PDB file of all heavy atoms in Angstrom:
ATOM      1  N   PRO A   1      -5.096  -3.634  11.245  1.00  0.00           N
ATOM      2  CA  PRO A   1      -6.298  -4.130  11.931  1.00  0.00           C
ATOM      3  C   PRO A   1      -6.710  -3.285  13.136  1.00  0.00           C
ATOM      4  O   PRO A   1      -7.886  -3.303  13.524  1.00  0.00           O
ATOM      5  CB  PRO A   1      -5.895  -5.540  12.368  1.00  0.00           C
ATOM      6  CG  PRO A   1      -4.851  -5.951  11.395  1.00  0.00           C
ATOM      7  CD  PRO A   1      -4.081  -4.701  11.093  1.00  0.00           C
ATOM      8  N   HIS A   2      -5.783  -2.530  13.723  1.00  0.00           N
ATOM      9  CA  HIS A   2      -6.109  -1.700  14.882  1.00  0.00           C
ATOM     10  C   HIS A   2      -7.036  -0.543  14.516  1.00  0.00           C
ATOM     11  O   HIS A   2      -7.615   0.082  15.418  1.00  0.00           O
ATOM     12  CB  HIS A   2      -4.824  -1.129  15.505  1.00  0.00           C
ATOM     13  CG  HIS A   2      -3.981  -2.138  16.201  1.00  0.00           C
ATOM     14  ND1 HIS A   2      -4.198  -2.531  17.505  1.00  0.00           N
ATOM     15  CD2 HIS A   2      -2.911  -2.853  15.770  1.00  0.00           C
ATOM     16  CE1 HIS A   2      -3.300  -3.434  17.857  1.00  0.00           C
ATOM     17  NE2 HIS A   2      -2.504  -3.651  16.818  1.00  0.00           N
ATOM     18  N   PHE A   3      -7.166  -0.247  13.225  1.00  0.00           N
ATOM     19  CA  PHE A   3      -7.956   0.906  12.804  1.00  0.00           C
ATOM     20  C   PHE A   3      -9.385   0.537  12.420  1.00  0.00           C
ATOM     21  O   PHE A   3     -10.152   1.395  12.005  1.00  0.00           O
ATOM     22  CB  PHE A   3      -7.245   1.615  11.649  1.00  0.00           C
ATOM     23  CG  PHE A   3      -5.947   2.235  12.070  1.00  0.00           C
ATOM     24  CD1 PHE A   3      -4.771   1.484  12.102  1.00  0.00           C
ATOM     25  CD2 PHE A   3      -5.890   3.555  12.474  1.00  0.00           C
ATOM     26  CE1 PHE A   3      -3.578   2.045  12.516  1.00  0.00           C
ATOM     27  CE2 PHE A   3      -4.703   4.131  12.889  1.00  0.00           C
ATOM     28  CZ  PHE A   3      -3.545   3.374  12.914  1.00  0.00           C
ATOM     29  N   ASP A   4      -9.733  -0.726  12.566  1.00  0.00           N
ATOM     30  CA  ASP A   4     -11.096  -1.168  12.363  1.00  0.00           C
ATOM     31  C   ASP A   4     -11.948  -0.669  13.550  1.00  0.00           C
ATOM     32  O   ASP A   4     -11.514  -0.801  14.700  1.00  0.00           O
ATOM     33  CB  ASP A   4     -11.119  -2.701  12.290  1.00  0.00           C
ATOM     34  CG  ASP A   4     -12.472  -3.271  11.905  1.00  0.00           C
ATOM     35  OD1 ASP A   4     -13.069  -2.749  10.961  1.00  0.00           O
ATOM     36  OD2 ASP A   4     -12.916  -4.217  12.567  1.00  0.00           O
ATOM     37  N   PRO A   5     -13.097  -0.040  13.372  1.00  0.00           N
ATOM     38  CA  PRO A   5     -13.896   0.034  12.139  1.00  0.00           C
ATOM     39  C   PRO A   5     -13.684   1.282  11.289  1.00  0.00           C
ATOM     40  O   PRO A   5     -14.301   1.396  10.231  1.00  0.00           O
ATOM     41  CB  PRO A   5     -15.323   0.010  12.694  1.00  0.00           C
ATOM     42  CG  PRO A   5     -15.232   0.772  13.969  1.00  0.00           C
ATOM     43  CD  PRO A   5     -13.868   0.409  14.553  1.00  0.00           C
ATOM     44  N   GLN A   6     -12.860   2.261  11.754  1.00  0.00           N
ATOM     45  CA  GLN A   6     -12.679   3.454  10.917  1.00  0.00           C
ATOM     46  C   GLN A   6     -12.169   3.074   9.530  1.00  0.00           C
ATOM     47  O   GLN A   6     -12.603   3.626   8.516  1.00  0.00           O
ATOM     48  CB  GLN A   6     -11.697   4.434  11.572  1.00  0.00           C
ATOM     49  CG  GLN A   6     -12.196   5.048  12.881  1.00  0.00           C
ATOM     50  CD  GLN A   6     -11.527   4.377  14.063  1.00  0.00           C
ATOM     51  OE1 GLN A   6     -11.359   3.148  14.078  1.00  0.00           O
ATOM     52  NE2 GLN A   6     -11.135   5.168  15.050  1.00  0.00           N
ATOM     53  N   ILE A   7     -11.194   2.162   9.497  1.00  0.00           N
ATOM     54  CA  ILE A   7     -10.743   1.560   8.248  1.00  0.00           C
ATOM     55  C   ILE A   7     -11.059   0.074   8.372  1.00  0.00           C
ATOM     56  O   ILE A   7     -10.340  -0.667   9.046  1.00  0.00           O
ATOM     57  CB  ILE A   7      -9.239   1.782   8.020  1.00  0.00           C
ATOM     58  CG1 ILE A   7      -8.929   3.282   7.945  1.00  0.00           C
ATOM     59  CG2 ILE A   7      -8.779   1.082   6.746  1.00  0.00           C
ATOM     60  CD1 ILE A   7      -7.451   3.601   7.790  1.00  0.00           C
ATOM     61  N   PRO A   8     -12.149  -0.376   7.766  1.00  0.00           N
ATOM     62  CA  PRO A   8     -12.586  -1.766   7.955  1.00  0.00           C
ATOM     63  C   PRO A   8     -11.493  -2.761   7.573  1.00  0.00           C
ATOM     64  O   PRO A   8     -10.823  -2.596   6.555  1.00  0.00           O
ATOM     65  CB  PRO A   8     -13.794  -1.887   7.030  1.00  0.00           C
ATOM     66  CG  PRO A   8     -14.275  -0.483   6.845  1.00  0.00           C
ATOM     67  CD  PRO A   8     -13.044   0.381   6.879  1.00  0.00           C
ATOM     68  N   TRP A   9     -11.327  -3.788   8.389  1.00  0.00           N
ATOM     69  CA  TRP A   9     -10.356  -4.838   8.102  1.00  0.00           C
ATOM     70  C   TRP A   9     -11.048  -5.848   7.201  1.00  0.00           C
ATOM     71  O   TRP A   9     -11.574  -6.853   7.631  1.00  0.00           O
ATOM     72  CB  TRP A   9      -9.864  -5.460   9.403  1.00  0.00           C
ATOM     73  CG  TRP A   9      -8.800  -6.500   9.275  1.00  0.00           C
ATOM     74  CD1 TRP A   9      -8.823  -7.766   9.795  1.00  0.00           C
ATOM     75  CD2 TRP A   9      -7.540  -6.380   8.603  1.00  0.00           C
ATOM     76  NE1 TRP A   9      -7.660  -8.436   9.492  1.00  0.00           N
ATOM     77  CE2 TRP A   9      -6.852  -7.611   8.767  1.00  0.00           C
ATOM     78  CE3 TRP A   9      -6.931  -5.348   7.886  1.00  0.00           C
ATOM     79  CZ2 TRP A   9      -5.589  -7.829   8.225  1.00  0.00           C
ATOM     80  CZ3 TRP A   9      -5.667  -5.578   7.349  1.00  0.00           C
ATOM     81  CH2 TRP A   9      -5.017  -6.815   7.530  1.00  0.00           C
ATOM     82  N   SER A  10     -11.057  -5.560   5.908  1.00  0.00           N
ATOM     83  CA  SER A  10     -11.830  -6.344   4.947  1.00  0.00           C
ATOM     84  C   SER A  10     -10.964  -6.740   3.762  1.00  0.00           C
ATOM     85  O   SER A  10      -9.858  -6.223   3.565  1.00  0.00           O
ATOM     86  CB  SER A  10     -13.025  -5.516   4.444  1.00  0.00           C
ATOM     87  OG  SER A  10     -12.574  -4.383   3.722  1.00  0.00           O
ATOM     88  N   SER A  11     -11.499  -7.639   2.954  1.00  0.00           N
ATOM     89  CA  SER A  11     -10.775  -8.091   1.760  1.00  0.00           C
ATOM     90  C   SER A  11     -10.506  -6.934   0.808  1.00  0.00           C
ATOM     91  O   SER A  11      -9.428  -6.845   0.201  1.00  0.00           O
ATOM     92  CB  SER A  11     -11.583  -9.175   1.041  1.00  0.00           C
ATOM     93  OG  SER A  11     -11.760 -10.307   1.855  1.00  0.00           O
ATOM     94  N   ALA A  12     -11.479  -6.034   0.663  1.00  0.00           N
ATOM     95  CA  ALA A  12     -11.313  -4.906  -0.255  1.00  0.00           C
ATOM     96  C   ALA A  12     -10.202  -3.977   0.208  1.00  0.00           C
ATOM     97  O   ALA A  12      -9.397  -3.495  -0.598  1.00  0.00           O
ATOM     98  CB  ALA A  12     -12.637  -4.141  -0.375  1.00  0.00           C
ATOM     99  N   VAL A  13     -10.150  -3.701   1.490  1.00  0.00           N
ATOM    100  CA  VAL A  13      -9.107  -2.823   2.029  1.00  0.00           C
ATOM    101  C   VAL A  13      -7.738  -3.469   1.887  1.00  0.00           C
ATOM    102  O   VAL A  13      -6.755  -2.815   1.518  1.00  0.00           O
ATOM    103  CB  VAL A  13      -9.408  -2.476   3.502  1.00  0.00           C
ATOM    104  CG1 VAL A  13      -8.183  -1.850   4.169  1.00  0.00           C
ATOM    105  CG2 VAL A  13     -10.593  -1.528   3.587  1.00  0.00           C
ATOM    106  N   ILE A  14      -7.655  -4.765   2.172  1.00  0.00           N
ATOM    107  CA  ILE A  14      -6.383  -5.475   2.045  1.00  0.00           C
ATOM    108  C   ILE A  14      -5.903  -5.462   0.596  1.00  0.00           C
ATOM    109  O   ILE A  14      -4.715  -5.227   0.311  1.00  0.00           O
ATOM    110  CB  ILE A  14      -6.509  -6.914   2.569  1.00  0.00           C
ATOM    111  CG1 ILE A  14      -6.674  -6.896   4.090  1.00  0.00           C
ATOM    112  CG2 ILE A  14      -5.298  -7.752   2.180  1.00  0.00           C
ATOM    113  CD1 ILE A  14      -6.965  -8.248   4.696  1.00  0.00           C
ATOM    114  N   ALA A  15      -6.824  -5.683  -0.344  1.00  0.00           N
ATOM    115  CA  ALA A  15      -6.451  -5.668  -1.764  1.00  0.00           C
ATOM    116  C   ALA A  15      -5.930  -4.290  -2.174  1.00  0.00           C
ATOM    117  O   ALA A  15      -4.947  -4.177  -2.911  1.00  0.00           O
ATOM    118  CB  ALA A  15      -7.649  -6.053  -2.618  1.00  0.00           C
ATOM    119  N   ARG A  16      -6.587  -3.248  -1.675  1.00  0.00           N
ATOM    120  CA  ARG A  16      -6.149  -1.892  -1.999  1.00  0.00           C
ATOM    121  C   ARG A  16      -4.774  -1.602  -1.388  1.00  0.00           C
ATOM    122  O   ARG A  16      -3.903  -1.001  -2.041  1.00  0.00           O
ATOM    123  CB  ARG A  16      -7.173  -0.881  -1.463  1.00  0.00           C
ATOM    124  CG  ARG A  16      -6.813   0.577  -1.692  1.00  0.00           C
ATOM    125  CD  ARG A  16      -6.672   0.908  -3.147  1.00  0.00           C
ATOM    126  NE  ARG A  16      -6.629   2.362  -3.344  1.00  0.00           N
ATOM    127  CZ  ARG A  16      -6.000   2.955  -4.339  1.00  0.00           C
ATOM    128  NH1 ARG A  16      -5.352   2.223  -5.242  1.00  0.00           N
ATOM    129  NH2 ARG A  16      -6.020   4.268  -4.462  1.00  0.00           N
ATOM    130  N   ALA A  17      -4.563  -2.041  -0.152  1.00  0.00           N
ATOM    131  CA  ALA A  17      -3.274  -1.840   0.506  1.00  0.00           C
ATOM    132  C   ALA A  17      -2.167  -2.572  -0.249  1.00  0.00           C
ATOM    133  O   ALA A  17      -1.046  -2.064  -0.383  1.00  0.00           O
ATOM    134  CB  ALA A  17      -3.346  -2.325   1.948  1.00  0.00           C
ATOM    135  N   GLN A  18      -2.472  -3.747  -0.758  1.00  0.00           N
ATOM    136  CA  GLN A  18      -1.478  -4.499  -1.508  1.00  0.00           C
ATOM    137  C   GLN A  18      -1.148  -3.827  -2.843  1.00  0.00           C
ATOM    138  O   GLN A  18      -0.018  -3.909  -3.323  1.00  0.00           O
ATOM    139  CB  GLN A  18      -1.973  -5.930  -1.724  1.00  0.00           C
ATOM    140  CG  GLN A  18      -1.971  -6.751  -0.445  1.00  0.00           C
ATOM    141  CD  GLN A  18      -2.602  -8.117  -0.598  1.00  0.00           C
ATOM    142  OE1 GLN A  18      -3.466  -8.320  -1.463  1.00  0.00           O
ATOM    143  NE2 GLN A  18      -2.193  -9.062   0.227  1.00  0.00           N
ATOM    144  N   GLU A  19      -2.124  -3.143  -3.440  1.00  0.00           N
ATOM    145  CA  GLU A  19      -1.852  -2.365  -4.644  1.00  0.00           C
ATOM    146  C   GLU A  19      -0.830  -1.263  -4.350  1.00  0.00           C
ATOM    147  O   GLU A  19       0.104  -1.041  -5.130  1.00  0.00           O
ATOM    148  CB  GLU A  19      -3.142  -1.718  -5.167  1.00  0.00           C
ATOM    149  CG  GLU A  19      -4.104  -2.667  -5.846  1.00  0.00           C
ATOM    150  CD  GLU A  19      -5.322  -1.926  -6.363  1.00  0.00           C
ATOM    151  OE1 GLU A  19      -5.340  -0.667  -6.259  1.00  0.00           O
ATOM    152  OE2 GLU A  19      -6.240  -2.573  -6.867  1.00  0.00           O
ATOM    153  N   LEU A  20      -1.018  -0.593  -3.226  1.00  0.00           N
ATOM    154  CA  LEU A  20      -0.082   0.463  -2.845  1.00  0.00           C
ATOM    155  C   LEU A  20       1.294  -0.121  -2.558  1.00  0.00           C
ATOM    156  O   LEU A  20       2.318   0.478  -2.890  1.00  0.00           O
ATOM    157  CB  LEU A  20      -0.607   1.210  -1.618  1.00  0.00           C
ATOM    158  CG  LEU A  20      -1.945   1.929  -1.796  1.00  0.00           C
ATOM    159  CD1 LEU A  20      -2.374   2.541  -0.480  1.00  0.00           C
ATOM    160  CD2 LEU A  20      -1.864   2.981  -2.879  1.00  0.00           C
ATOM    161  N   GLU A  21       1.312  -1.293  -1.937  1.00  0.00           N
ATOM    162  CA  GLU A  21       2.577  -1.982  -1.659  1.00  0.00           C
ATOM    163  C   GLU A  21       3.355  -2.234  -2.942  1.00  0.00           C
ATOM    164  O   GLU A  21       4.590  -2.127  -2.983  1.00  0.00           O
ATOM    165  CB  GLU A  21       2.289  -3.305  -0.953  1.00  0.00           C
ATOM    166  CG  GLU A  21       3.504  -4.203  -0.773  1.00  0.00           C
ATOM    167  CD  GLU A  21       3.107  -5.607  -0.338  1.00  0.00           C
ATOM    168  OE1 GLU A  21       1.956  -5.800   0.068  1.00  0.00           O
ATOM    169  OE2 GLU A  21       3.962  -6.500  -0.403  1.00  0.00           O
ATOM    170  N   GLN A  22       2.633  -2.523  -4.017  1.00  0.00           N
ATOM    171  CA  GLN A  22       3.265  -2.847  -5.296  1.00  0.00           C
ATOM    172  C   GLN A  22       3.584  -1.600  -6.122  1.00  0.00           C
ATOM    173  O   GLN A  22       4.117  -1.691  -7.217  1.00  0.00           O
ATOM    174  CB  GLN A  22       2.341  -3.771  -6.092  1.00  0.00           C
ATOM    175  CG  GLN A  22       2.150  -5.127  -5.432  1.00  0.00           C
ATOM    176  CD  GLN A  22       0.940  -5.884  -5.956  1.00  0.00           C
ATOM    177  OE1 GLN A  22       0.313  -5.454  -6.933  1.00  0.00           O
ATOM    178  NE2 GLN A  22       0.597  -6.994  -5.320  1.00  0.00           N
ATOM    179  N   GLY A  23       3.269  -0.411  -5.564  1.00  0.00           N
ATOM    180  CA  GLY A  23       3.607   0.823  -6.251  1.00  0.00           C
ATOM    181  C   GLY A  23       2.555   1.327  -7.209  1.00  0.00           C
ATOM    182  O   GLY A  23       2.825   2.237  -7.996  1.00  0.00           O
ATOM    183  N   ASN A  24       1.334   0.771  -7.160  1.00  0.00           N
ATOM    184  CA  ASN A  24       0.257   1.235  -8.038  1.00  0.00           C
ATOM    185  C   ASN A  24      -0.439   2.437  -7.406  1.00  0.00           C
ATOM    186  O   ASN A  24      -1.546   2.335  -6.882  1.00  0.00           O
ATOM    187  CB  ASN A  24      -0.753   0.099  -8.282  1.00  0.00           C
ATOM    188  CG  ASN A  24      -0.111  -1.081  -8.966  1.00  0.00           C
ATOM    189  OD1 ASN A  24       0.779  -0.921  -9.789  1.00  0.00           O
ATOM    190  ND2 ASN A  24      -0.560  -2.281  -8.637  1.00  0.00           N
ATOM    191  N   TRP A  25       0.229   3.581  -7.469  1.00  0.00           N
ATOM    192  CA  TRP A  25      -0.255   4.771  -6.766  1.00  0.00           C
ATOM    193  C   TRP A  25      -0.937   5.772  -7.686  1.00  0.00           C
ATOM    194  O   TRP A  25      -1.727   6.573  -7.232  1.00  0.00           O
ATOM    195  CB  TRP A  25       0.919   5.476  -6.072  1.00  0.00           C
ATOM    196  CG  TRP A  25       1.574   4.658  -5.013  1.00  0.00           C
ATOM    197  CD1 TRP A  25       1.182   3.424  -4.548  1.00  0.00           C
ATOM    198  CD2 TRP A  25       2.749   5.001  -4.274  1.00  0.00           C
ATOM    199  NE1 TRP A  25       2.037   2.997  -3.576  1.00  0.00           N
ATOM    200  CE2 TRP A  25       3.004   3.938  -3.387  1.00  0.00           C
ATOM    201  CE3 TRP A  25       3.586   6.101  -4.285  1.00  0.00           C
ATOM    202  CZ2 TRP A  25       4.083   3.953  -2.512  1.00  0.00           C
ATOM    203  CZ3 TRP A  25       4.661   6.129  -3.411  1.00  0.00           C
ATOM    204  CH2 TRP A  25       4.903   5.061  -2.536  1.00  0.00           C
ATOM    205  N   GLY A  26      -0.559   5.773  -8.959  1.00  0.00           N
ATOM    206  CA  GLY A  26      -1.101   6.769  -9.857  1.00  0.00           C
ATOM    207  C   GLY A  26      -0.719   8.173  -9.437  1.00  0.00           C
ATOM    208  O   GLY A  26      -1.493   9.107  -9.596  1.00  0.00           O
ATOM    209  N   ALA A  27       0.449   8.323  -8.849  1.00  0.00           N
ATOM    210  CA  ALA A  27       0.834   9.619  -8.269  1.00  0.00           C
ATOM    211  C   ALA A  27       2.042  10.237  -8.966  1.00  0.00           C
ATOM    212  O   ALA A  27       2.745  11.040  -8.381  1.00  0.00           O
ATOM    213  CB  ALA A  27       1.110   9.445  -6.784  1.00  0.00           C
ATOM    214  N   GLY A  28       2.314   9.857 -10.204  1.00  0.00           N
ATOM    215  CA  GLY A  28       3.400  10.504 -10.936  1.00  0.00           C
ATOM    216  C   GLY A  28       4.729   9.785 -10.802  1.00  0.00           C
ATOM    217  O   GLY A  28       4.853   8.759 -10.131  1.00  0.00           O
ATOM    218  N   ALA A  29       5.746  10.322 -11.434  1.00  0.00           N
ATOM    219  CA  ALA A  29       7.056   9.672 -11.496  1.00  0.00           C
ATOM    220  C   ALA A  29       7.701   9.517 -10.140  1.00  0.00           C
ATOM    221  O   ALA A  29       8.435   8.561  -9.900  1.00  0.00           O
ATOM    222  CB  ALA A  29       7.971  10.472 -12.418  1.00  0.00           C
ATOM    223  N   ALA A  30       7.449  10.459  -9.224  1.00  0.00           N
ATOM    224  CA  ALA A  30       8.083  10.378  -7.905  1.00  0.00           C
ATOM    225  C   ALA A  30       7.680   9.099  -7.183  1.00  0.00           C
ATOM    226  O   ALA A  30       8.433   8.577  -6.370  1.00  0.00           O
ATOM    227  CB  ALA A  30       7.706  11.590  -7.062  1.00  0.00           C
ATOM    228  N   ALA A  31       6.496   8.605  -7.501  1.00  0.00           N
ATOM    229  CA  ALA A  31       6.015   7.410  -6.811  1.00  0.00           C
ATOM    230  C   ALA A  31       6.889   6.203  -7.109  1.00  0.00           C
ATOM    231  O   ALA A  31       7.006   5.300  -6.286  1.00  0.00           O
ATOM    232  CB  ALA A  31       4.572   7.108  -7.220  1.00  0.00           C
ATOM    233  N   GLN A  32       7.521   6.173  -8.265  1.00  0.00           N
ATOM    234  CA  GLN A  32       8.294   4.993  -8.645  1.00  0.00           C
ATOM    235  C   GLN A  32       9.462   4.762  -7.701  1.00  0.00           C
ATOM    236  O   GLN A  32       9.689   3.637  -7.246  1.00  0.00           O
ATOM    237  CB  GLN A  32       8.780   5.139 -10.085  1.00  0.00           C
ATOM    238  CG  GLN A  32       7.649   5.229 -11.098  1.00  0.00           C
ATOM    239  CD  GLN A  32       8.155   5.461 -12.506  1.00  0.00           C
ATOM    240  OE1 GLN A  32       9.360   5.443 -12.762  1.00  0.00           O
ATOM    241  NE2 GLN A  32       7.242   5.690 -13.434  1.00  0.00           N
ATOM    242  N   ALA A  33      10.203   5.813  -7.392  1.00  0.00           N
ATOM    243  CA  ALA A  33      11.352   5.668  -6.503  1.00  0.00           C
ATOM    244  C   ALA A  33      10.907   5.280  -5.101  1.00  0.00           C
ATOM    245  O   ALA A  33      11.500   4.416  -4.460  1.00  0.00           O
ATOM    246  CB  ALA A  33      12.149   6.975  -6.458  1.00  0.00           C
ATOM    247  N   VAL A  34       9.845   5.924  -4.628  1.00  0.00           N
ATOM    248  CA  VAL A  34       9.362   5.611  -3.289  1.00  0.00           C
ATOM    249  C   VAL A  34       8.798   4.199  -3.243  1.00  0.00           C
ATOM    250  O   VAL A  34       8.953   3.480  -2.262  1.00  0.00           O
ATOM    251  CB  VAL A  34       8.289   6.628  -2.841  1.00  0.00           C
ATOM    252  CG1 VAL A  34       7.906   6.398  -1.393  1.00  0.00           C
ATOM    253  CG2 VAL A  34       8.796   8.039  -3.013  1.00  0.00           C
ATOM    254  N   ALA A  35       8.141   3.784  -4.319  1.00  0.00           N
ATOM    255  CA  ALA A  35       7.540   2.448  -4.348  1.00  0.00           C
ATOM    256  C   ALA A  35       8.580   1.365  -4.144  1.00  0.00           C
ATOM    257  O   ALA A  35       8.346   0.389  -3.430  1.00  0.00           O
ATOM    258  CB  ALA A  35       6.810   2.232  -5.669  1.00  0.00           C
ATOM    259  N   ARG A  36       9.743   1.524  -4.758  1.00  0.00           N
ATOM    260  CA  ARG A  36      10.788   0.519  -4.583  1.00  0.00           C
ATOM    261  C   ARG A  36      11.247   0.473  -3.128  1.00  0.00           C
ATOM    262  O   ARG A  36      11.473  -0.605  -2.573  1.00  0.00           O
ATOM    263  CB  ARG A  36      11.969   0.830  -5.515  1.00  0.00           C
ATOM    264  CG  ARG A  36      11.657   0.611  -6.979  1.00  0.00           C
ATOM    265  CD  ARG A  36      12.915   0.610  -7.822  1.00  0.00           C
ATOM    266  NE  ARG A  36      13.550   1.921  -7.853  1.00  0.00           N
ATOM    267  CZ  ARG A  36      13.293   2.846  -8.768  1.00  0.00           C
ATOM    268  NH1 ARG A  36      12.403   2.623  -9.711  1.00  0.00           N
ATOM    269  NH2 ARG A  36      13.926   4.007  -8.742  1.00  0.00           N
ATOM    270  N   THR A  37      11.378   1.652  -2.517  1.00  0.00           N
ATOM    271  CA  THR A  37      11.768   1.697  -1.116  1.00  0.00           C
ATOM    272  C   THR A  37      10.695   1.062  -0.245  1.00  0.00           C
ATOM    273  O   THR A  37      10.990   0.286   0.670  1.00  0.00           O
ATOM    274  CB  THR A  37      12.008   3.160  -0.666  1.00  0.00           C
ATOM    275  OG1 THR A  37      12.974   3.755  -1.528  1.00  0.00           O
ATOM    276  CG2 THR A  37      12.517   3.216   0.758  1.00  0.00           C
ATOM    277  N   MET A  38       9.442   1.383  -0.521  1.00  0.00           N
ATOM    278  CA  MET A  38       8.345   0.855   0.283  1.00  0.00           C
ATOM    279  C   MET A  38       8.252  -0.661   0.151  1.00  0.00           C
ATOM    280  O   MET A  38       7.996  -1.362   1.121  1.00  0.00           O
ATOM    281  CB  MET A  38       7.024   1.485  -0.145  1.00  0.00           C
ATOM    282  CG  MET A  38       6.937   2.985   0.080  1.00  0.00           C
ATOM    283  SD  MET A  38       7.552   3.493   1.699  1.00  0.00           S
ATOM    284  CE  MET A  38       6.602   2.414   2.738  1.00  0.00           C
ATOM    285  N   THR A  39       8.433  -1.164  -1.065  1.00  0.00           N
ATOM    286  CA  THR A  39       8.390  -2.609  -1.269  1.00  0.00           C
ATOM    287  C   THR A  39       9.455  -3.299  -0.432  1.00  0.00           C
ATOM    288  O   THR A  39       9.218  -4.338   0.187  1.00  0.00           O
ATOM    289  CB  THR A  39       8.595  -2.950  -2.752  1.00  0.00           C
ATOM    290  OG1 THR A  39       7.552  -2.337  -3.514  1.00  0.00           O
ATOM    291  CG2 THR A  39       8.555  -4.449  -2.974  1.00  0.00           C
ATOM    292  N   ALA A  40      10.644  -2.686  -0.389  1.00  0.00           N
ATOM    293  CA  ALA A  40      11.728  -3.256   0.412  1.00  0.00           C
ATOM    294  C   ALA A  40      11.350  -3.275   1.888  1.00  0.00           C
ATOM    295  O   ALA A  40      11.642  -4.235   2.607  1.00  0.00           O
ATOM    296  CB  ALA A  40      13.011  -2.453   0.209  1.00  0.00           C
ATOM    297  N   VAL A  41      10.693  -2.220   2.346  1.00  0.00           N
ATOM    298  CA  VAL A  41      10.254  -2.171   3.741  1.00  0.00           C
ATOM    299  C   VAL A  41       9.305  -3.328   4.032  1.00  0.00           C
ATOM    300  O   VAL A  41       9.434  -4.040   5.029  1.00  0.00           O
ATOM    301  CB  VAL A  41       9.560  -0.829   4.046  1.00  0.00           C
ATOM    302  CG1 VAL A  41       8.949  -0.849   5.439  1.00  0.00           C
ATOM    303  CG2 VAL A  41      10.549   0.316   3.939  1.00  0.00           C
ATOM    304  N   LEU A  42       8.350  -3.508   3.152  1.00  0.00           N
ATOM    305  CA  LEU A  42       7.347  -4.544   3.383  1.00  0.00           C
ATOM    306  C   LEU A  42       7.962  -5.940   3.352  1.00  0.00           C
ATOM    307  O   LEU A  42       7.588  -6.819   4.127  1.00  0.00           O
ATOM    308  CB  LEU A  42       6.241  -4.433   2.331  1.00  0.00           C
ATOM    309  CG  LEU A  42       5.429  -3.133   2.399  1.00  0.00           C
ATOM    310  CD1 LEU A  42       4.549  -2.993   1.170  1.00  0.00           C
ATOM    311  CD2 LEU A  42       4.577  -3.110   3.648  1.00  0.00           C
ATOM    312  N   VAL A  43       8.914  -6.153   2.454  1.00  0.00           N
ATOM    313  CA  VAL A  43       9.551  -7.456   2.349  1.00  0.00           C
ATOM    314  C   VAL A  43      10.368  -7.775   3.593  1.00  0.00           C
ATOM    315  O   VAL A  43      10.396  -8.913   4.084  1.00  0.00           O
ATOM    316  CB  VAL A  43      10.447  -7.519   1.091  1.00  0.00           C
ATOM    317  CG1 VAL A  43      11.330  -8.748   1.119  1.00  0.00           C
ATOM    318  CG2 VAL A  43       9.575  -7.526  -0.161  1.00  0.00           C
ATOM    319  N   THR A  44      11.054  -6.760   4.142  1.00  0.00           N
ATOM    320  CA  THR A  44      11.954  -7.017   5.258  1.00  0.00           C
ATOM    321  C   THR A  44      11.284  -6.874   6.612  1.00  0.00           C
ATOM    322  O   THR A  44      11.886  -7.204   7.631  1.00  0.00           O
ATOM    323  CB  THR A  44      13.152  -6.042   5.217  1.00  0.00           C
ATOM    324  OG1 THR A  44      12.655  -4.695   5.256  1.00  0.00           O
ATOM    325  CG2 THR A  44      13.974  -6.244   3.961  1.00  0.00           C
TER     326      THR A  44
END
């Protein structure tokens, strides 16, 4: 939220951020390992 308005604090941005949280990066196999680590960060 501190980056609003450069990155609007909106429903669309939140939905996109949550996609990244879940590992939906479309960035190749390397993303899978990092996604699990990132998910753990977000959970904890």
